[in-house]
């Protein structure tokens, strides 16, 4: 009988400790995904993937290392643990590495309350193909769209489990369904391309293929005839697809690993004003059905709302 993720994670922790690990944590992800691509109304590509990804982190005093595999056999785990311990013993010293204490671990969470998992029957591959074809057809129906580069529909189902050598063990499940389409306007050297894509944790919550295809087509047409503006000072309005990437650059700059390495341009700005006072960045991992929501973080701590930047101050 196949072990559960929690049993396999504990087995790997036991192997690592027997091999000489001072402390360790294990992250396991068991996932299934299906993706269908359609072009010119016909199936272009179909892919299904299943597998388990295993990540082991070993901490030897103030040194740490990580190794990942996708083989659940005992022999593979033993080799993984030995390799990870050897790497950790040679890794650079990091005074900030270590596991959270048992008093800090999340002990009371409700993954179901976050609505990350859709328990209804998963869409079939034929249904995904139909969704992609409808999105492409809708894009082509927009006046000014000359062709569609294609459309896709996909789903995924993942079970995630985290376990640590000092007592934390917890997991949750999440699903995702997405539809996307790429449309092209114009001809020859005057062609312009744009896209639209939406995803949601619940299969029925994604906008209709017609909405996605039409928006992709309208965006492609809107780009037609674009010219380079003159040099000058102008107010700039960022599209929502671009504005989220700006936040991504900011979050990457305050990532703990970047700060410790001294490679971040914000390494000495904690408590300093880095944005206008009318801007704040609030992290809320408790929002229902969101891709970034989770009951606990990668250290086993309870995920809870917090200000990353408040009134412009980091």
Foldseek 3Di string as FASTA:
>chain_A
DDDDPLVLQVLLQVLLVVLPFPKKKKKKKWKKKWKWKDFPLHTDDIDIDTFMKMKMWGADPQFIFMDIDTDSDPVVSNVRSNVRVVCRVVGDGHNPDDADAPVQFDDDFDQVLQAQAAPPDDDDPVVFSVQFSLLQVLLVVDPQWPGWPIKMKMKMKMKMWMDIPNDDIDIDIGMKIKIKTKTWGDDDPQIFIFMFMDMWRYPVPTPGSNVRSNVRNVVRNVCGPDDDDDDDDDDDDDDPVVVVVVVVVVVVLPDPVCLSVVNHPCNPQAFHQQDALVDWDKDALSHHGDPSHDQADNSNGGDGIDTPGHSRGD
